[in-house]
Amino acid sequence: MEEQNNQQQTQEEVKPQVEKRTFFSKIRTFFIECKRVFKVTKKPSKEEFKITVKVSAIGIGIIGLIGFIVHIVGVLSGL
């Protein structure tokens, strides 16, 4: 019984102390992470941008078509 109590106490002691972060420290951390991301990213070339626009348009079209088909099926079935 003592061994279980000792194990529980040691497990509790091992848990790291989480310091409470204030609102301003969270905002500061967010901006630091945003700054890091902006340093890593680069402006896409014209060709990359065209491909991204085409793929996005195709995806939006497919999702719209699926929604239209679901709507038509619902109207025709009387739902």
N, C-alpha and C. Protein backbone atom coordinates (compact mmCIF):
# COMPACT_ATOMS: atom_id res chain seq x y z
N MET A 1 0.82 -1.18 0.00
CA MET A 1 0.00 0.00 0.00
C MET A 1 0.87 1.25 0.00
N GLU A 2 1.94 1.21 0.77
CA GLU A 2 2.85 2.36 0.83
C GLU A 2 3.53 2.56 -0.51
N GLU A 3 3.83 1.47 -1.21
CA GLU A 3 4.49 1.58 -2.50
C GLU A 3 3.60 2.31 -3.50
N GLN A 4 2.30 2.03 -3.48
CA GLN A 4 1.37 2.70 -4.39
C GLN A 4 1.30 4.19 -4.08
N ASN A 5 1.25 4.52 -2.79
CA ASN A 5 1.22 5.93 -2.40
C ASN A 5 2.50 6.64 -2.83
N ASN A 6 3.64 5.96 -2.64
CA ASN A 6 4.91 6.54 -3.06
C ASN A 6 4.96 6.74 -4.57
N GLN A 7 4.44 5.76 -5.33
CA GLN A 7 4.44 5.87 -6.79
C GLN A 7 3.53 7.02 -7.23
N GLN A 8 2.37 7.15 -6.58
CA GLN A 8 1.46 8.24 -6.92
C GLN A 8 2.09 9.59 -6.62
N GLN A 9 2.78 9.68 -5.50
CA GLN A 9 3.42 10.93 -5.14
C GLN A 9 4.53 11.28 -6.12
N THR A 10 5.31 10.29 -6.52
CA THR A 10 6.40 10.57 -7.46
C THR A 10 5.85 10.93 -8.83
N GLN A 11 4.74 10.32 -9.25
CA GLN A 11 4.13 10.66 -10.53
C GLN A 11 3.61 12.10 -10.51
N GLU A 12 3.04 12.51 -9.39
CA GLU A 12 2.53 13.87 -9.26
C GLU A 12 3.67 14.87 -9.27
N GLU A 13 4.79 14.50 -8.66
CA GLU A 13 5.94 15.39 -8.61
C GLU A 13 6.58 15.55 -9.98
N VAL A 14 6.48 14.52 -10.82
CA VAL A 14 7.11 14.54 -12.13
C VAL A 14 6.38 15.49 -13.07
N LYS A 15 5.09 15.70 -12.89
CA LYS A 15 4.32 16.57 -13.78
C LYS A 15 4.93 17.96 -13.78
N PRO A 16 5.18 18.49 -14.98
CA PRO A 16 5.79 19.82 -15.05
C PRO A 16 4.81 20.90 -14.61
N GLN A 17 5.35 21.91 -14.02
CA GLN A 17 4.53 23.03 -13.59
C GLN A 17 4.22 23.89 -14.81
N VAL A 18 2.95 24.04 -15.12
CA VAL A 18 2.54 24.84 -16.27
C VAL A 18 2.26 26.24 -15.77
N GLU A 19 3.04 27.19 -16.28
CA GLU A 19 2.81 28.55 -15.83
C GLU A 19 1.66 29.13 -16.64
N LYS A 20 0.87 29.95 -15.98
CA LYS A 20 -0.27 30.55 -16.65
C LYS A 20 0.22 31.66 -17.56
N ARG A 21 -0.22 31.60 -18.80
CA ARG A 21 0.17 32.60 -19.77
C ARG A 21 -0.88 33.70 -19.81
N THR A 22 -0.43 34.89 -19.79
CA THR A 22 -1.37 36.01 -19.83
C THR A 22 -1.80 36.25 -21.27
N PHE A 23 -2.82 37.06 -21.42
CA PHE A 23 -3.36 37.40 -22.73
C PHE A 23 -2.27 38.04 -23.60
N PHE A 24 -1.52 38.95 -23.01
CA PHE A 24 -0.49 39.65 -23.78
C PHE A 24 0.66 38.73 -24.18
N SER A 25 1.00 37.77 -23.33
CA SER A 25 2.08 36.85 -23.70
C SER A 25 1.63 35.93 -24.84
N LYS A 26 0.34 35.58 -24.86
CA LYS A 26 -0.19 34.77 -25.95
C LYS A 26 -0.15 35.56 -27.26
N ILE A 27 -0.52 36.82 -27.20
CA ILE A 27 -0.51 37.68 -28.39
C ILE A 27 0.92 37.84 -28.89
N ARG A 28 1.85 38.07 -27.98
CA ARG A 28 3.26 38.24 -28.35
C ARG A 28 3.79 36.98 -29.02
N THR A 29 3.46 35.82 -28.45
CA THR A 29 3.89 34.55 -29.02
C THR A 29 3.32 34.37 -30.42
N PHE A 30 2.05 34.74 -30.58
CA PHE A 30 1.40 34.62 -31.88
C PHE A 30 2.13 35.46 -32.92
N PHE A 31 2.46 36.70 -32.58
CA PHE A 31 3.15 37.57 -33.54
C PHE A 31 4.56 37.09 -33.85
N ILE A 32 5.22 36.52 -32.87
CA ILE A 32 6.56 35.97 -33.10
C ILE A 32 6.48 34.80 -34.08
N GLU A 33 5.47 33.95 -33.90
CA GLU A 33 5.29 32.82 -34.81
C GLU A 33 4.91 33.29 -36.21
N CYS A 34 4.08 34.32 -36.30
CA CYS A 34 3.71 34.88 -37.62
C CYS A 34 4.94 35.43 -38.33
N LYS A 35 5.78 36.12 -37.59
CA LYS A 35 7.01 36.69 -38.16
C LYS A 35 7.90 35.58 -38.71
N ARG A 36 8.01 34.50 -37.97
CA ARG A 36 8.83 33.36 -38.40
C ARG A 36 8.27 32.76 -39.69
N VAL A 37 6.94 32.63 -39.77
CA VAL A 37 6.31 32.06 -40.97
C VAL A 37 6.55 32.96 -42.18
N PHE A 38 6.42 34.27 -42.00
CA PHE A 38 6.62 35.20 -43.11
C PHE A 38 8.07 35.20 -43.60
N LYS A 39 9.01 34.92 -42.72
CA LYS A 39 10.40 34.83 -43.14
C LYS A 39 10.64 33.60 -44.01
N VAL A 40 9.93 32.51 -43.72
CA VAL A 40 10.13 31.25 -44.42
C VAL A 40 9.42 31.24 -45.78
N THR A 41 8.26 31.88 -45.87
CA THR A 41 7.48 31.82 -47.10
C THR A 41 8.10 32.69 -48.19
N LYS A 42 7.70 32.39 -49.42
CA LYS A 42 8.17 33.18 -50.55
C LYS A 42 6.99 33.47 -51.47
N LYS A 43 7.13 34.48 -52.29
CA LYS A 43 6.10 34.83 -53.24
C LYS A 43 6.12 33.80 -54.37
N PRO A 44 4.94 33.27 -54.75
CA PRO A 44 4.93 32.26 -55.81
C PRO A 44 5.22 32.89 -57.17
N SER A 45 5.77 32.09 -58.05
CA SER A 45 6.00 32.57 -59.42
C SER A 45 4.65 32.65 -60.13
N LYS A 46 4.65 33.27 -61.32
CA LYS A 46 3.40 33.40 -62.07
C LYS A 46 2.83 32.03 -62.40
N GLU A 47 3.70 31.12 -62.78
CA GLU A 47 3.25 29.77 -63.15
C GLU A 47 2.65 29.04 -61.95
N GLU A 48 3.31 29.13 -60.81
CA GLU A 48 2.77 28.52 -59.59
C GLU A 48 1.41 29.09 -59.24
N PHE A 49 1.28 30.39 -59.36
CA PHE A 49 0.02 31.06 -59.04
C PHE A 49 -1.09 30.60 -59.98
N LYS A 50 -0.81 30.50 -61.28
CA LYS A 50 -1.81 30.05 -62.25
C LYS A 50 -2.28 28.63 -61.93
N ILE A 51 -1.34 27.76 -61.60
CA ILE A 51 -1.69 26.37 -61.27
C ILE A 51 -2.56 26.33 -60.01
N THR A 52 -2.21 27.13 -59.01
CA THR A 52 -2.99 27.17 -57.78
C THR A 52 -4.41 27.65 -58.04
N VAL A 53 -4.55 28.68 -58.88
CA VAL A 53 -5.87 29.21 -59.21
C VAL A 53 -6.69 28.16 -59.96
N LYS A 54 -6.07 27.47 -60.92
CA LYS A 54 -6.78 26.44 -61.68
C LYS A 54 -7.25 25.30 -60.78
N VAL A 55 -6.36 24.82 -59.92
CA VAL A 55 -6.72 23.71 -59.03
C VAL A 55 -7.83 24.13 -58.06
N SER A 56 -7.74 25.34 -57.53
CA SER A 56 -8.78 25.84 -56.62
C SER A 56 -10.11 25.96 -57.34
N ALA A 57 -10.10 26.48 -58.57
CA ALA A 57 -11.34 26.63 -59.33
C ALA A 57 -11.97 25.27 -59.63
N ILE A 58 -11.14 24.30 -59.98
CA ILE A 58 -11.66 22.94 -60.24
C ILE A 58 -12.28 22.37 -58.97
N GLY A 59 -11.60 22.53 -57.83
CA GLY A 59 -12.13 22.03 -56.56
C GLY A 59 -13.45 22.69 -56.18
N ILE A 60 -13.53 24.01 -56.34
CA ILE A 60 -14.78 24.72 -56.03
C ILE A 60 -15.89 24.25 -56.96
N GLY A 61 -15.55 24.06 -58.26
CA GLY A 61 -16.55 23.58 -59.22
C GLY A 61 -17.07 22.20 -58.87
N ILE A 62 -16.17 21.30 -58.47
CA ILE A 62 -16.58 19.94 -58.10
C ILE A 62 -17.48 19.97 -56.87
N ILE A 63 -17.12 20.74 -55.87
CA ILE A 63 -17.94 20.84 -54.65
C ILE A 63 -19.31 21.44 -54.98
N GLY A 64 -19.32 22.46 -55.85
CA GLY A 64 -20.59 23.06 -56.28
C GLY A 64 -21.45 22.07 -57.04
N LEU A 65 -20.84 21.29 -57.92
CA LEU A 65 -21.58 20.29 -58.68
C LEU A 65 -22.19 19.23 -57.76
N ILE A 66 -21.41 18.79 -56.78
CA ILE A 66 -21.93 17.80 -55.82
C ILE A 66 -23.11 18.39 -55.06
N GLY A 67 -22.99 19.63 -54.62
CA GLY A 67 -24.10 20.29 -53.91
C GLY A 67 -25.32 20.43 -54.79
N PHE A 68 -25.11 20.78 -56.06
CA PHE A 68 -26.23 20.91 -56.99
C PHE A 68 -26.93 19.58 -57.20
N ILE A 69 -26.15 18.51 -57.37
CA ILE A 69 -26.73 17.18 -57.56
C ILE A 69 -27.53 16.76 -56.32
N VAL A 70 -26.98 17.00 -55.14
CA VAL A 70 -27.70 16.67 -53.90
C VAL A 70 -29.00 17.47 -53.82
N HIS A 71 -28.95 18.73 -54.19
CA HIS A 71 -30.15 19.58 -54.16
C HIS A 71 -31.20 19.07 -55.15
N ILE A 72 -30.79 18.74 -56.36
CA ILE A 72 -31.72 18.23 -57.36
C ILE A 72 -32.33 16.91 -56.91
N VAL A 73 -31.53 16.02 -56.37
CA VAL A 73 -32.05 14.74 -55.88
C VAL A 73 -33.07 14.99 -54.76
N GLY A 74 -32.77 15.94 -53.88
CA GLY A 74 -33.71 16.27 -52.80
C GLY A 74 -35.01 16.84 -53.32
N VAL A 75 -34.94 17.70 -54.32
CA VAL A 75 -36.14 18.31 -54.90
C VAL A 75 -36.98 17.25 -55.62
N LEU A 76 -36.32 16.39 -56.39
CA LEU A 76 -37.04 15.37 -57.14
C LEU A 76 -37.64 14.29 -56.26
N SER A 77 -36.99 14.02 -55.13
CA SER A 77 -37.52 12.99 -54.23
C SER A 77 -38.54 13.56 -53.26
N GLY A 78 -38.70 14.86 -53.23
CA GLY A 78 -39.71 15.47 -52.38
C GLY A 78 -39.28 15.67 -50.95
N LEU A 79 -38.02 15.72 -50.69
CA LEU A 79 -37.54 15.93 -49.31
C LEU A 79 -37.61 17.35 -48.97
